[in-house]
Amino acid sequence: MQRDKHALNRALPRACLLNAATALLLGSLLLGGCDGPAAGGTTSSETAVVTVFAAASLTDVFQEAAGSFSRSGHTGNVEFNFAGSQQLAGQLREGARADVFASADEMQMQAAVDTGRIEMESVKTFACNRLVIGYGRGVTGASDAAPGLESLLKLAQPGHKIVVGAEAVPIGQYTRQFLANAAQDDRFGPSFRAGFEANIVSEEQNVRGILSKLQLGEADAGVVYASDLVGSTELQGMEIPAHLNVSAVYPIALTQDSRQPEQAATFVTFLFSEEGTAVLESHGFSTECRAEVSRGASEAAVAEGSGHAYD
């Protein structure tokens, strides 16, 4: 019994030391877990994530651009939120976190500027698009029925089902501009617009909704962007005459409260680079409008300077 008592006395200090070491280890782990993020909003072991709010029509091209951006050795991951530009502007107004906003029109970019999340001076036009009539290869069944979709004028005749964008959506706004142009044209006139609008069976919240309806055969034709049909094996396109067509302008800007301003600026700069431009143009977007916007801004600056010369 005396021997057991001495053994117990020797074991107690060792147990206390073990418990103390365990407590110290747990304490260090807990303290390490409470470390704040490093500068830029990420810890030293994390990769910066750039969140890009982008119009639905940019889905394919931006995903490819992000891949090229990464392969070019740029740091940071790019994550996207694709939706209708009006939906994205609304999310920004509600405080959704984003680093970059790319809109399919200037109206929704202005709406984002009005929220105070974006400075107008930072907005740049990075690409443009044009409208086409999209239709499915198998929509009409037999190939001898296809000529009914080959003429733009015939789309105003009864019997066609047409899907377009809702009025608040950029593609919907552009479509209505096209129809307004057609109504003023001698060959088309108001009757074409009236007939075309009478054949509309659905108004979608973004261009992806239009494409889906066409691919499912729920409509005969729809007004989409030229870029939407690049590489498509399911849909064909009918050109809209240039004098009736509309140039869709795509502006882009960083948000003022971006958590990754340097990485976000790098991605935007990449889109303007030779490599980024090549990706945009391979998907059917035009970049010539960049020069037109820059030239217009320069002319405005010269005019303003001339006006002040006599102040």
C-alpha atoms as a PDB file:
ATOM      1  CA  MET A   1       0.000   0.000   0.000  1.00  0.00           C
ATOM      2  CA  GLN A   2       2.850   2.410   0.835  1.00  0.00           C
ATOM      3  CA  ARG A   3       4.470   1.600  -2.559  1.00  0.00           C
ATOM      4  CA  ASP A   4       1.207   2.430  -4.430  1.00  0.00           C
ATOM      5  CA  LYS A   5       1.015   5.789  -2.606  1.00  0.00           C
ATOM      6  CA  HIS A   6       4.530   6.774  -3.759  1.00  0.00           C
ATOM      7  CA  ALA A   7       3.748   5.708  -7.342  1.00  0.00           C
ATOM      8  CA  LEU A   8       0.615   7.849  -7.317  1.00  0.00           C
ATOM      9  CA  ASN A   9       2.570  10.864  -6.062  1.00  0.00           C
ATOM     10  CA  ARG A  10       5.089  10.460  -8.895  1.00  0.00           C
ATOM     11  CA  ALA A  11       2.313  10.120 -11.552  1.00  0.00           C
ATOM     12  CA  LEU A  12       0.456  13.286 -10.514  1.00  0.00           C
ATOM     13  CA  PRO A  13       3.163  15.793 -11.589  1.00  0.00           C
ATOM     14  CA  ARG A  14       3.480  14.080 -14.978  1.00  0.00           C
ATOM     15  CA  ALA A  15      -0.308  14.256 -15.479  1.00  0.00           C
ATOM     16  CA  CYS A  16      -0.337  17.940 -14.537  1.00  0.00           C
ATOM     17  CA  LEU A  17       2.478  18.670 -16.980  1.00  0.00           C
ATOM     18  CA  LEU A  18       0.620  16.815 -19.754  1.00  0.00           C
ATOM     19  CA  ASN A  19      -2.585  18.741 -19.101  1.00  0.00           C
ATOM     20  CA  ALA A  20      -0.721  22.039 -19.088  1.00  0.00           C
ATOM     21  CA  ALA A  21       0.975  21.252 -22.414  1.00  0.00           C
ATOM     22  CA  THR A  22      -2.363  20.299 -23.943  1.00  0.00           C
ATOM     23  CA  ALA A  23      -3.946  23.539 -22.732  1.00  0.00           C
ATOM     24  CA  LEU A  24      -1.100  25.594 -24.204  1.00  0.00           C
ATOM     25  CA  LEU A  25      -1.452  23.806 -27.553  1.00  0.00           C
ATOM     26  CA  LEU A  26      -5.217  24.365 -27.687  1.00  0.00           C
ATOM     27  CA  GLY A  27      -4.756  27.978 -26.713  1.00  0.00           C
ATOM     28  CA  SER A  28      -2.302  28.614 -29.529  1.00  0.00           C
ATOM     29  CA  LEU A  29      -4.644  26.979 -32.048  1.00  0.00           C
ATOM     30  CA  LEU A  30      -7.561  29.092 -30.868  1.00  0.00           C
ATOM     31  CA  LEU A  31      -5.532  32.278 -31.015  1.00  0.00           C
ATOM     32  CA  GLY A  32      -4.277  31.402 -34.481  1.00  0.00           C
ATOM     33  CA  GLY A  33      -7.877  30.957 -35.643  1.00  0.00           C
ATOM     34  CA  CYS A  34      -8.684  34.482 -34.478  1.00  0.00           C
ATOM     35  CA  ASP A  35      -6.045  36.155 -36.668  1.00  0.00           C
ATOM     36  CA  GLY A  36      -7.590  38.841 -38.867  1.00  0.00           C
ATOM     37  CA  PRO A  37      -7.301  38.822 -42.666  1.00  0.00           C
ATOM     38  CA  ALA A  38      -4.199  40.183 -44.293  1.00  0.00           C
ATOM     39  CA  ALA A  39      -4.278  43.392 -46.306  1.00  0.00           C
ATOM     40  CA  GLY A  40      -6.544  43.129 -49.320  1.00  0.00           C
ATOM     41  CA  GLY A  41      -9.208  41.070 -47.533  1.00  0.00           C
ATOM     42  CA  THR A  42      -7.463  37.664 -47.631  1.00  0.00           C
ATOM     43  CA  THR A  43      -5.180  35.760 -45.281  1.00  0.00           C
ATOM     44  CA  SER A  44      -1.639  34.990 -46.317  1.00  0.00           C
ATOM     45  CA  SER A  45      -2.665  31.454 -47.324  1.00  0.00           C
ATOM     46  CA  GLU A  46      -5.704  32.536 -49.361  1.00  0.00           C
ATOM     47  CA  THR A  47      -5.884  33.498 -53.031  1.00  0.00           C
ATOM     48  CA  ALA A  48      -7.571  36.777 -53.884  1.00  0.00           C
ATOM     49  CA  VAL A  49     -11.030  36.316 -55.406  1.00  0.00           C
ATOM     50  CA  VAL A  50     -12.312  38.929 -57.849  1.00  0.00           C
ATOM     51  CA  THR A  51     -16.115  38.921 -58.098  1.00  0.00           C
ATOM     52  CA  VAL A  52     -17.374  40.088 -61.478  1.00  0.00           C
ATOM     53  CA  PHE A  53     -21.026  40.958 -62.058  1.00  0.00           C
ATOM     54  CA  ALA A  54     -21.536  40.484 -65.808  1.00  0.00           C
ATOM     55  CA  ALA A  55     -24.411  40.567 -68.290  1.00  0.00           C
ATOM     56  CA  ALA A  56     -25.737  37.139 -69.262  1.00  0.00           C
ATOM     57  CA  SER A  57     -24.592  37.631 -72.866  1.00  0.00           C
ATOM     58  CA  LEU A  58     -20.996  37.692 -71.585  1.00  0.00           C
ATOM     59  CA  THR A  59     -21.176  34.229 -70.015  1.00  0.00           C
ATOM     60  CA  ASP A  60     -19.157  32.260 -72.573  1.00  0.00           C
ATOM     61  CA  VAL A  61     -16.628  34.927 -73.489  1.00  0.00           C
ATOM     62  CA  PHE A  62     -15.877  35.944 -69.892  1.00  0.00           C
ATOM     63  CA  GLN A  63     -15.404  32.351 -68.802  1.00  0.00           C
ATOM     64  CA  GLU A  64     -12.872  31.861 -71.574  1.00  0.00           C
ATOM     65  CA  ALA A  65     -11.255  35.203 -70.756  1.00  0.00           C
ATOM     66  CA  ALA A  66     -10.889  34.155 -67.114  1.00  0.00           C
ATOM     67  CA  GLY A  67      -9.133  30.983 -68.230  1.00  0.00           C
ATOM     68  CA  SER A  68      -6.739  32.939 -70.436  1.00  0.00           C
ATOM     69  CA  PHE A  69      -6.206  35.435 -67.625  1.00  0.00           C
ATOM     70  CA  SER A  70      -5.190  32.642 -65.260  1.00  0.00           C
ATOM     71  CA  ARG A  71      -2.962  30.889 -67.815  1.00  0.00           C
ATOM     72  CA  SER A  72      -1.169  34.175 -68.454  1.00  0.00           C
ATOM     73  CA  GLY A  73       0.204  34.008 -64.936  1.00  0.00           C
ATOM     74  CA  HIS A  74      -2.056  36.575 -63.277  1.00  0.00           C
ATOM     75  CA  THR A  75      -2.726  36.017 -59.593  1.00  0.00           C
ATOM     76  CA  GLY A  76      -6.214  35.821 -58.164  1.00  0.00           C
ATOM     77  CA  ASN A  77      -9.299  33.821 -59.032  1.00  0.00           C
ATOM     78  CA  VAL A  78     -12.140  35.364 -61.009  1.00  0.00           C
ATOM     79  CA  GLU A  79     -15.684  34.388 -60.028  1.00  0.00           C
ATOM     80  CA  PHE A  80     -18.767  35.495 -61.944  1.00  0.00           C
ATOM     81  CA  ASN A  81     -22.346  36.402 -61.255  1.00  0.00           C
ATOM     82  CA  PHE A  82     -24.116  36.296 -64.627  1.00  0.00           C
ATOM     83  CA  ALA A  83     -27.628  37.724 -64.980  1.00  0.00           C
ATOM     84  CA  GLY A  84     -29.595  40.398 -66.765  1.00  0.00           C
ATOM     85  CA  SER A  85     -27.849  43.766 -66.477  1.00  0.00           C
ATOM     86  CA  GLN A  86     -30.909  45.274 -64.809  1.00  0.00           C
ATOM     87  CA  GLN A  87     -30.877  42.500 -62.198  1.00  0.00           C
ATOM     88  CA  LEU A  88     -27.200  43.057 -61.489  1.00  0.00           C
ATOM     89  CA  ALA A  89     -27.666  46.821 -61.145  1.00  0.00           C
ATOM     90  CA  GLY A  90     -30.461  46.080 -58.674  1.00  0.00           C
ATOM     91  CA  GLN A  91     -28.216  43.761 -56.670  1.00  0.00           C
ATOM     92  CA  LEU A  92     -25.547  46.457 -56.505  1.00  0.00           C
ATOM     93  CA  ARG A  93     -28.175  48.895 -55.281  1.00  0.00           C
ATOM     94  CA  GLU A  94     -29.082  46.434 -52.518  1.00  0.00           C
ATOM     95  CA  GLY A  95     -25.440  46.237 -51.407  1.00  0.00           C
ATOM     96  CA  ALA A  96     -24.309  42.950 -52.972  1.00  0.00           C
ATOM     97  CA  ARG A  97     -20.526  42.587 -52.852  1.00  0.00           C
ATOM     98  CA  ALA A  98     -18.796  42.925 -56.216  1.00  0.00           C
ATOM     99  CA  ASP A  99     -15.464  44.103 -57.549  1.00  0.00           C
ATOM    100  CA  VAL A 100     -16.372  44.652 -61.217  1.00  0.00           C
ATOM    101  CA  PHE A 101     -19.602  45.368 -63.109  1.00  0.00           C
ATOM    102  CA  ALA A 102     -19.875  44.703 -66.847  1.00  0.00           C
ATOM    103  CA  SER A 103     -23.207  45.772 -68.326  1.00  0.00           C
ATOM    104  CA  ALA A 104     -24.791  45.099 -71.727  1.00  0.00           C
ATOM    105  CA  ASP A 105     -25.888  48.707 -72.022  1.00  0.00           C
ATOM    106  CA  GLU A 106     -25.090  52.179 -70.747  1.00  0.00           C
ATOM    107  CA  MET A 107     -28.475  52.621 -69.060  1.00  0.00           C
ATOM    108  CA  GLN A 108     -27.871  49.915 -66.458  1.00  0.00           C
ATOM    109  CA  MET A 109     -24.319  51.100 -65.894  1.00  0.00           C
ATOM    110  CA  GLN A 110     -25.746  54.539 -65.200  1.00  0.00           C
ATOM    111  CA  ALA A 111     -28.171  52.934 -62.753  1.00  0.00           C
ATOM    112  CA  ALA A 112     -25.179  51.415 -60.955  1.00  0.00           C
ATOM    113  CA  VAL A 113     -23.433  54.787 -60.941  1.00  0.00           C
ATOM    114  CA  ASP A 114     -26.554  56.335 -59.417  1.00  0.00           C
ATOM    115  CA  THR A 115     -26.297  53.921 -56.487  1.00  0.00           C
ATOM    116  CA  GLY A 116     -22.948  55.471 -55.570  1.00  0.00           C
ATOM    117  CA  ARG A 117     -21.144  52.140 -55.992  1.00  0.00           C
ATOM    118  CA  ILE A 118     -19.355  53.185 -59.202  1.00  0.00           C
ATOM    119  CA  GLU A 119     -17.658  56.395 -60.287  1.00  0.00           C
ATOM    120  CA  MET A 120     -18.688  57.576 -63.744  1.00  0.00           C
ATOM    121  CA  GLU A 121     -15.108  58.591 -64.554  1.00  0.00           C
ATOM    122  CA  SER A 122     -13.983  54.959 -64.211  1.00  0.00           C
ATOM    123  CA  VAL A 123     -16.483  53.557 -66.742  1.00  0.00           C
ATOM    124  CA  LYS A 124     -14.954  52.277 -69.995  1.00  0.00           C
ATOM    125  CA  THR A 125     -16.509  50.726 -73.101  1.00  0.00           C
ATOM    126  CA  PHE A 126     -14.705  47.441 -73.732  1.00  0.00           C
ATOM    127  CA  ALA A 127     -16.846  45.844 -76.468  1.00  0.00           C
ATOM    128  CA  CYS A 128     -19.887  46.184 -78.703  1.00  0.00           C
ATOM    129  CA  ASN A 129     -22.374  43.769 -80.227  1.00  0.00           C
ATOM    130  CA  ARG A 130     -25.142  43.742 -82.826  1.00  0.00           C
ATOM    131  CA  LEU A 131     -28.559  42.139 -83.130  1.00  0.00           C
ATOM    132  CA  VAL A 132     -29.467  39.089 -85.208  1.00  0.00           C
ATOM    133  CA  ILE A 133     -32.550  36.904 -85.540  1.00  0.00           C
ATOM    134  CA  GLY A 134     -31.866  33.468 -84.097  1.00  0.00           C
ATOM    135  CA  TYR A 135     -33.838  30.354 -84.949  1.00  0.00           C
ATOM    136  CA  GLY A 136     -33.453  26.617 -84.452  1.00  0.00           C
ATOM    137  CA  ARG A 137     -32.477  24.202 -87.184  1.00  0.00           C
ATOM    138  CA  GLY A 138     -35.168  21.719 -86.247  1.00  0.00           C
ATOM    139  CA  VAL A 139     -37.927  24.117 -85.247  1.00  0.00           C
ATOM    140  CA  THR A 140     -40.004  23.746 -88.396  1.00  0.00           C
ATOM    141  CA  GLY A 141     -39.340  20.063 -88.898  1.00  0.00           C
ATOM    142  CA  ALA A 142     -38.898  19.543 -92.661  1.00  0.00           C
ATOM    143  CA  SER A 143     -36.165  21.524 -94.389  1.00  0.00           C
ATOM    144  CA  ASP A 144     -38.555  22.749 -97.127  1.00  0.00           C
ATOM    145  CA  ALA A 145     -40.373  24.791 -94.455  1.00  0.00           C
ATOM    146  CA  ALA A 146     -37.199  26.654 -93.459  1.00  0.00           C
ATOM    147  CA  PRO A 147     -37.584  29.461 -96.069  1.00  0.00           C
ATOM    148  CA  GLY A 148     -40.372  30.854 -93.866  1.00  0.00           C
ATOM    149  CA  LEU A 149     -37.613  32.099 -91.551  1.00  0.00           C
ATOM    150  CA  GLU A 150     -35.163  33.257 -94.223  1.00  0.00           C
ATOM    151  CA  SER A 151     -36.867  36.579 -94.800  1.00  0.00           C
ATOM    152  CA  LEU A 152     -37.069  39.170 -92.082  1.00  0.00           C
ATOM    153  CA  LEU A 153     -40.248  40.529 -93.580  1.00  0.00           C
ATOM    154  CA  LYS A 154     -42.028  37.210 -93.200  1.00  0.00           C
ATOM    155  CA  LEU A 155     -41.592  37.316 -89.433  1.00  0.00           C
ATOM    156  CA  ALA A 156     -44.351  39.908 -89.345  1.00  0.00           C
ATOM    157  CA  GLN A 157     -46.809  37.521 -90.988  1.00  0.00           C
ATOM    158  CA  PRO A 158     -49.245  35.541 -88.812  1.00  0.00           C
ATOM    159  CA  GLY A 159     -48.199  32.094 -87.706  1.00  0.00           C
ATOM    160  CA  HIS A 160     -44.729  32.778 -86.321  1.00  0.00           C
ATOM    161  CA  LYS A 161     -43.856  32.567 -82.644  1.00  0.00           C
ATOM    162  CA  ILE A 162     -41.237  35.111 -81.611  1.00  0.00           C
ATOM    163  CA  VAL A 163     -39.452  35.515 -78.277  1.00  0.00           C
ATOM    164  CA  VAL A 164     -37.718  38.741 -77.237  1.00  0.00           C
ATOM    165  CA  GLY A 165     -36.254  40.383 -74.154  1.00  0.00           C
ATOM    166  CA  ALA A 166     -38.483  42.202 -71.685  1.00  0.00           C
ATOM    167  CA  GLU A 167     -38.596  45.971 -72.043  1.00  0.00           C
ATOM    168  CA  ALA A 168     -36.433  46.585 -68.961  1.00  0.00           C
ATOM    169  CA  VAL A 169     -33.676  44.271 -70.240  1.00  0.00           C
ATOM    170  CA  PRO A 170     -30.896  45.589 -72.530  1.00  0.00           C
ATOM    171  CA  ILE A 171     -31.670  43.058 -75.287  1.00  0.00           C
ATOM    172  CA  GLY A 172     -35.330  44.097 -74.998  1.00  0.00           C
ATOM    173  CA  GLN A 173     -34.455  47.776 -75.261  1.00  0.00           C
ATOM    174  CA  TYR A 174     -32.270  47.144 -78.303  1.00  0.00           C
ATOM    175  CA  THR A 175     -35.019  45.060 -79.927  1.00  0.00           C
ATOM    176  CA  ARG A 176     -37.518  47.881 -79.550  1.00  0.00           C
ATOM    177  CA  GLN A 177     -35.016  50.305 -81.068  1.00  0.00           C
ATOM    178  CA  PHE A 178     -34.642  47.970 -84.048  1.00  0.00           C
ATOM    179  CA  LEU A 179     -38.422  47.795 -84.475  1.00  0.00           C
ATOM    180  CA  ALA A 180     -38.678  51.586 -84.210  1.00  0.00           C
ATOM    181  CA  ASN A 181     -36.040  51.887 -86.936  1.00  0.00           C
ATOM    182  CA  ALA A 182     -37.935  49.408 -89.108  1.00  0.00           C
ATOM    183  CA  ALA A 183     -41.173  51.346 -88.670  1.00  0.00           C
ATOM    184  CA  GLN A 184     -39.442  54.388 -90.182  1.00  0.00           C
ATOM    185  CA  ASP A 185     -38.121  52.439 -93.175  1.00  0.00           C
ATOM    186  CA  ASP A 186     -40.090  52.517 -96.429  1.00  0.00           C
ATOM    187  CA  ARG A 187     -39.677  48.797 -97.094  1.00  0.00           C
ATOM    188  CA  PHE A 188     -40.800  47.718 -93.623  1.00  0.00           C
ATOM    189  CA  GLY A 189     -42.970  50.467 -92.151  1.00  0.00           C
ATOM    190  CA  PRO A 190     -45.339  50.482 -89.160  1.00  0.00           C
ATOM    191  CA  SER A 191     -47.152  47.375 -90.401  1.00  0.00           C
ATOM    192  CA  PHE A 192     -43.985  45.296 -90.038  1.00  0.00           C
ATOM    193  CA  ARG A 193     -43.533  46.437 -86.453  1.00  0.00           C
ATOM    194  CA  ALA A 194     -47.187  45.764 -85.624  1.00  0.00           C
ATOM    195  CA  GLY A 195     -47.098  42.302 -87.162  1.00  0.00           C
ATOM    196  CA  PHE A 196     -43.785  41.414 -85.520  1.00  0.00           C
ATOM    197  CA  GLU A 197     -45.011  42.495 -82.096  1.00  0.00           C
ATOM    198  CA  ALA A 198     -48.269  40.572 -82.572  1.00  0.00           C
ATOM    199  CA  ASN A 199     -46.219  37.390 -83.000  1.00  0.00           C
ATOM    200  CA  ILE A 200     -44.321  37.802 -79.710  1.00  0.00           C
ATOM    201  CA  VAL A 201     -45.202  34.925 -77.389  1.00  0.00           C
ATOM    202  CA  SER A 202     -42.688  35.492 -74.576  1.00  0.00           C
ATOM    203  CA  GLU A 203     -40.548  38.270 -73.086  1.00  0.00           C
ATOM    204  CA  GLU A 204     -37.477  37.040 -71.213  1.00  0.00           C
ATOM    205  CA  GLN A 205     -35.402  38.605 -68.426  1.00  0.00           C
ATOM    206  CA  ASN A 206     -32.083  37.990 -70.198  1.00  0.00           C
ATOM    207  CA  VAL A 207     -30.779  36.743 -73.513  1.00  0.00           C
ATOM    208  CA  ARG A 208     -30.089  33.285 -72.106  1.00  0.00           C
ATOM    209  CA  GLY A 209     -33.826  32.893 -71.584  1.00  0.00           C
ATOM    210  CA  ILE A 210     -34.414  33.699 -75.266  1.00  0.00           C
ATOM    211  CA  LEU A 211     -31.806  31.167 -76.363  1.00  0.00           C
ATOM    212  CA  SER A 212     -33.335  28.512 -74.126  1.00  0.00           C
ATOM    213  CA  LYS A 213     -36.777  29.001 -75.659  1.00  0.00           C
ATOM    214  CA  LEU A 214     -35.288  28.681 -79.141  1.00  0.00           C
ATOM    215  CA  GLN A 215     -33.268  25.585 -78.280  1.00  0.00           C
ATOM    216  CA  LEU A 216     -36.324  23.903 -76.758  1.00  0.00           C
ATOM    217  CA  GLY A 217     -38.398  24.673 -79.850  1.00  0.00           C
ATOM    218  CA  GLU A 218     -40.844  26.840 -77.900  1.00  0.00           C
ATOM    219  CA  ALA A 219     -40.447  29.683 -80.392  1.00  0.00           C
ATOM    220  CA  ASP A 220     -39.671  29.982 -84.098  1.00  0.00           C
ATOM    221  CA  ALA A 221     -37.408  33.004 -83.854  1.00  0.00           C
ATOM    222  CA  GLY A 222     -35.919  35.422 -81.350  1.00  0.00           C
ATOM    223  CA  VAL A 223     -33.857  38.585 -81.288  1.00  0.00           C
ATOM    224  CA  VAL A 224     -30.439  37.849 -79.795  1.00  0.00           C
ATOM    225  CA  TYR A 225     -26.880  39.144 -80.034  1.00  0.00           C
ATOM    226  CA  ALA A 226     -24.556  38.063 -82.841  1.00  0.00           C
ATOM    227  CA  SER A 227     -22.152  36.736 -80.198  1.00  0.00           C
ATOM    228  CA  ASP A 228     -24.828  34.338 -78.917  1.00  0.00           C
ATOM    229  CA  LEU A 229     -24.751  32.310 -82.116  1.00  0.00           C
ATOM    230  CA  VAL A 230     -20.980  32.030 -82.544  1.00  0.00           C
ATOM    231  CA  GLY A 231     -20.081  28.348 -82.490  1.00  0.00           C
ATOM    232  CA  SER A 232     -23.692  27.253 -81.990  1.00  0.00           C
ATOM    233  CA  THR A 233     -24.683  23.967 -83.602  1.00  0.00           C
ATOM    234  CA  GLU A 234     -28.326  24.223 -82.558  1.00  0.00           C
ATOM    235  CA  LEU A 235     -29.254  27.687 -83.796  1.00  0.00           C
ATOM    236  CA  GLN A 236     -28.893  29.628 -87.018  1.00  0.00           C
ATOM    237  CA  GLY A 237     -28.871  33.357 -87.517  1.00  0.00           C
ATOM    238  CA  MET A 238     -30.587  35.789 -89.862  1.00  0.00           C
ATOM    239  CA  GLU A 239     -28.896  39.145 -90.334  1.00  0.00           C
ATOM    240  CA  ILE A 240     -30.729  42.383 -89.622  1.00  0.00           C
ATOM    241  CA  PRO A 241     -29.886  45.122 -92.165  1.00  0.00           C
ATOM    242  CA  ALA A 242     -27.227  47.483 -90.847  1.00  0.00           C
ATOM    243  CA  HIS A 243     -29.406  50.574 -91.229  1.00  0.00           C
ATOM    244  CA  LEU A 244     -32.030  48.980 -88.981  1.00  0.00           C
ATOM    245  CA  ASN A 245     -29.629  47.366 -86.545  1.00  0.00           C
ATOM    246  CA  VAL A 246     -28.500  48.670 -83.176  1.00  0.00           C
ATOM    247  CA  SER A 247     -25.017  48.750 -81.673  1.00  0.00           C
ATOM    248  CA  ALA A 248     -25.079  47.220 -78.203  1.00  0.00           C
ATOM    249  CA  VAL A 249     -22.483  48.957 -76.045  1.00  0.00           C
ATOM    250  CA  TYR A 250     -20.777  47.087 -73.187  1.00  0.00           C
ATOM    251  CA  PRO A 251     -19.307  49.313 -70.437  1.00  0.00           C
ATOM    252  CA  ILE A 252     -17.235  48.029 -67.528  1.00  0.00           C
ATOM    253  CA  ALA A 253     -16.067  49.555 -64.242  1.00  0.00           C
ATOM    254  CA  LEU A 254     -14.664  48.723 -60.811  1.00  0.00           C
ATOM    255  CA  THR A 255     -16.855  49.252 -57.789  1.00  0.00           C
ATOM    256  CA  GLN A 256     -15.675  51.932 -55.369  1.00  0.00           C
ATOM    257  CA  ASP A 257     -15.820  49.503 -52.437  1.00  0.00           C
ATOM    258  CA  SER A 258     -13.969  46.650 -54.156  1.00  0.00           C
ATOM    259  CA  ARG A 259     -12.130  44.422 -51.707  1.00  0.00           C
ATOM    260  CA  GLN A 260      -9.618  43.456 -54.380  1.00  0.00           C
ATOM    261  CA  PRO A 261      -9.078  46.682 -56.345  1.00  0.00           C
ATOM    262  CA  GLU A 262      -5.615  45.800 -57.670  1.00  0.00           C
ATOM    263  CA  GLN A 263      -6.570  42.328 -58.902  1.00  0.00           C
ATOM    264  CA  ALA A 264      -9.891  43.618 -60.268  1.00  0.00           C
ATOM    265  CA  ALA A 265      -8.110  46.380 -62.199  1.00  0.00           C
ATOM    266  CA  THR A 266      -5.705  43.795 -63.581  1.00  0.00           C
ATOM    267  CA  PHE A 267      -8.590  41.704 -64.954  1.00  0.00           C
ATOM    268  CA  VAL A 268     -10.207  44.748 -66.583  1.00  0.00           C
ATOM    269  CA  THR A 269      -6.858  45.732 -68.095  1.00  0.00           C
ATOM    270  CA  PHE A 270      -6.511  42.180 -69.448  1.00  0.00           C
ATOM    271  CA  LEU A 271      -9.764  42.567 -71.383  1.00  0.00           C
ATOM    272  CA  PHE A 272      -8.215  45.554 -73.186  1.00  0.00           C
ATOM    273  CA  SER A 273      -4.963  43.720 -73.882  1.00  0.00           C
ATOM    274  CA  GLU A 274      -4.161  42.047 -77.186  1.00  0.00           C
ATOM    275  CA  GLU A 275      -4.943  38.635 -75.727  1.00  0.00           C
ATOM    276  CA  GLY A 276      -8.194  39.764 -74.121  1.00  0.00           C
ATOM    277  CA  THR A 277      -9.268  41.541 -77.290  1.00  0.00           C
ATOM    278  CA  ALA A 278      -8.656  38.368 -79.296  1.00  0.00           C
ATOM    279  CA  VAL A 279     -10.909  36.388 -76.949  1.00  0.00           C
ATOM    280  CA  LEU A 280     -13.703  38.974 -77.264  1.00  0.00           C
ATOM    281  CA  GLU A 281     -13.518  39.070 -81.052  1.00  0.00           C
ATOM    282  CA  SER A 282     -13.406  35.269 -81.341  1.00  0.00           C
ATOM    283  CA  HIS A 283     -16.827  35.241 -79.675  1.00  0.00           C
ATOM    284  CA  GLY A 284     -18.342  37.705 -82.118  1.00  0.00           C
ATOM    285  CA  PHE A 285     -17.880  40.920 -80.145  1.00  0.00           C
ATOM    286  CA  SER A 286     -16.509  44.040 -81.769  1.00  0.00           C
ATOM    287  CA  THR A 287     -13.826  46.189 -80.158  1.00  0.00           C
ATOM    288  CA  GLU A 288     -13.741  48.939 -82.787  1.00  0.00           C
ATOM    289  CA  CYS A 289     -16.143  50.970 -80.674  1.00  0.00           C
ATOM    290  CA  ARG A 290     -13.355  51.531 -78.140  1.00  0.00           C
ATOM    291  CA  ALA A 291     -11.620  53.861 -80.574  1.00  0.00           C
ATOM    292  CA  GLU A 292     -14.905  55.589 -81.395  1.00  0.00           C
ATOM    293  CA  VAL A 293     -15.602  56.241 -77.708  1.00  0.00           C
ATOM    294  CA  SER A 294     -12.049  57.497 -77.142  1.00  0.00           C
ATOM    295  CA  ARG A 295     -12.254  59.750 -80.190  1.00  0.00           C
ATOM    296  CA  GLY A 296     -15.611  61.124 -79.036  1.00  0.00           C
ATOM    297  CA  ALA A 297     -14.226  61.861 -75.581  1.00  0.00           C
ATOM    298  CA  SER A 298     -11.199  63.614 -77.077  1.00  0.00           C
ATOM    299  CA  GLU A 299     -13.361  65.751 -79.340  1.00  0.00           C
ATOM    300  CA  ALA A 300     -15.567  66.695 -76.398  1.00  0.00           C
ATOM    301  CA  ALA A 301     -12.499  67.674 -74.379  1.00  0.00           C
ATOM    302  CA  VAL A 302     -11.197  69.829 -77.245  1.00  0.00           C
ATOM    303  CA  ALA A 303     -14.581  71.507 -77.636  1.00  0.00           C
ATOM    304  CA  GLU A 304     -14.755  72.195 -73.910  1.00  0.00           C
ATOM    305  CA  GLY A 305     -11.241  73.658 -73.986  1.00  0.00           C
ATOM    306  CA  SER A 306     -12.114  75.863 -76.930  1.00  0.00           C
ATOM    307  CA  GLY A 307     -15.180  77.131 -75.126  1.00  0.00           C
ATOM    308  CA  HIS A 308     -13.122  78.091 -72.091  1.00  0.00           C
ATOM    309  CA  ALA A 309     -10.573  79.918 -74.242  1.00  0.00           C
ATOM    310  CA  TYR A 310     -12.887  82.909 -74.389  1.00  0.00           C
ATOM    311  CA  ASP A 311     -14.016  82.846 -70.761  1.00  0.00           C
END
